[in-house]
Amino acid sequence: MIVRWRKSSYTGGANDNQCVELGRLAPGAGIGVRDSKDPGAGHLTLSSVQFASLIEQIKQDSAR
């Protein structure tokens, strides 16, 4: 299966040094998260539950 990586919508532009990409892995394998500047370095694999928890934590932290 080919993973289609998508850059975060919060990326600040071409010169942003803090970009991540997300990709839906094989069915049941979770969500991949990788550094868009170094895609060959591998990715972090999160389950759907872990990914939802990460997003919730990010939202809480940004609301502070």
Protein backbone atom coordinates (compact mmCIF):
# COMPACT_ATOMS: atom_id res chain seq x y z
CA MET A 1 0.00 0.00 0.00
CA ILE A 2 1.26 3.47 -0.89
CA VAL A 3 0.95 5.97 1.95
CA ARG A 4 -0.21 9.41 0.84
CA TRP A 5 1.41 11.92 3.15
CA ARG A 6 -0.29 15.23 3.84
CA LYS A 7 1.42 18.27 5.31
CA SER A 8 -0.19 19.82 8.36
CA SER A 9 -2.60 22.67 7.62
CA TYR A 10 -0.83 24.64 10.38
CA THR A 11 2.42 24.83 8.42
CA GLY A 12 3.60 28.41 8.29
CA GLY A 13 4.90 28.34 4.74
CA ALA A 14 7.85 27.21 2.68
CA ASN A 15 10.41 28.39 5.25
CA ASP A 16 8.66 26.90 8.28
CA ASN A 17 11.10 24.61 10.13
CA GLN A 18 8.47 22.87 12.24
CA CYS A 19 6.38 20.90 9.74
CA VAL A 20 4.85 17.49 10.14
CA GLU A 21 3.14 15.22 7.67
CA LEU A 22 0.40 12.71 8.38
CA GLY A 23 -0.39 9.55 6.48
CA ARG A 24 -3.01 6.85 6.92
CA LEU A 25 -1.11 3.58 7.02
CA ALA A 26 -2.45 0.19 5.94
CA PRO A 27 -5.96 -0.59 7.26
CA GLY A 28 -5.75 -1.19 10.99
CA ALA A 29 -2.11 -0.05 11.16
CA GLY A 30 -2.84 3.49 12.38
CA ILE A 31 -1.63 6.95 11.46
CA GLY A 32 1.94 7.81 10.51
CA VAL A 33 3.52 11.08 11.63
CA ARG A 34 6.81 12.22 10.13
CA ASP A 35 9.09 15.24 9.78
CA SER A 36 8.38 16.84 6.42
CA LYS A 37 12.00 18.04 6.15
CA ASP A 38 13.37 14.51 6.48
CA PRO A 39 10.75 12.04 5.21
CA GLY A 40 13.33 9.29 4.74
CA ALA A 41 14.07 9.20 8.47
CA GLY A 42 10.97 7.14 9.17
CA HIS A 43 7.76 7.89 10.98
CA LEU A 44 6.01 7.52 14.30
CA THR A 45 3.05 5.15 14.19
CA LEU A 46 0.03 6.02 16.33
CA SER A 47 -3.22 4.13 16.73
CA SER A 48 -6.41 6.05 15.99
CA VAL A 49 -7.00 6.41 19.75
CA GLN A 50 -3.45 7.68 20.34
CA PHE A 51 -3.75 10.12 17.45
CA ALA A 52 -7.07 11.49 18.74
CA SER A 53 -5.51 11.90 22.19
CA LEU A 54 -2.52 13.75 20.69
CA ILE A 55 -4.79 16.15 18.80
CA GLU A 56 -6.86 16.78 21.94
CA GLN A 57 -3.71 17.54 23.94
CA ILE A 58 -2.48 19.93 21.26
CA LYS A 59 -5.82 21.75 21.30
CA GLN A 60 -5.72 22.05 25.08
CA ASP A 61 -2.14 23.33 25.07
CA SER A 62 -2.85 25.92 22.37
CA ALA A 63 -5.88 27.20 24.30
CA ARG A 64 -3.68 28.15 27.25
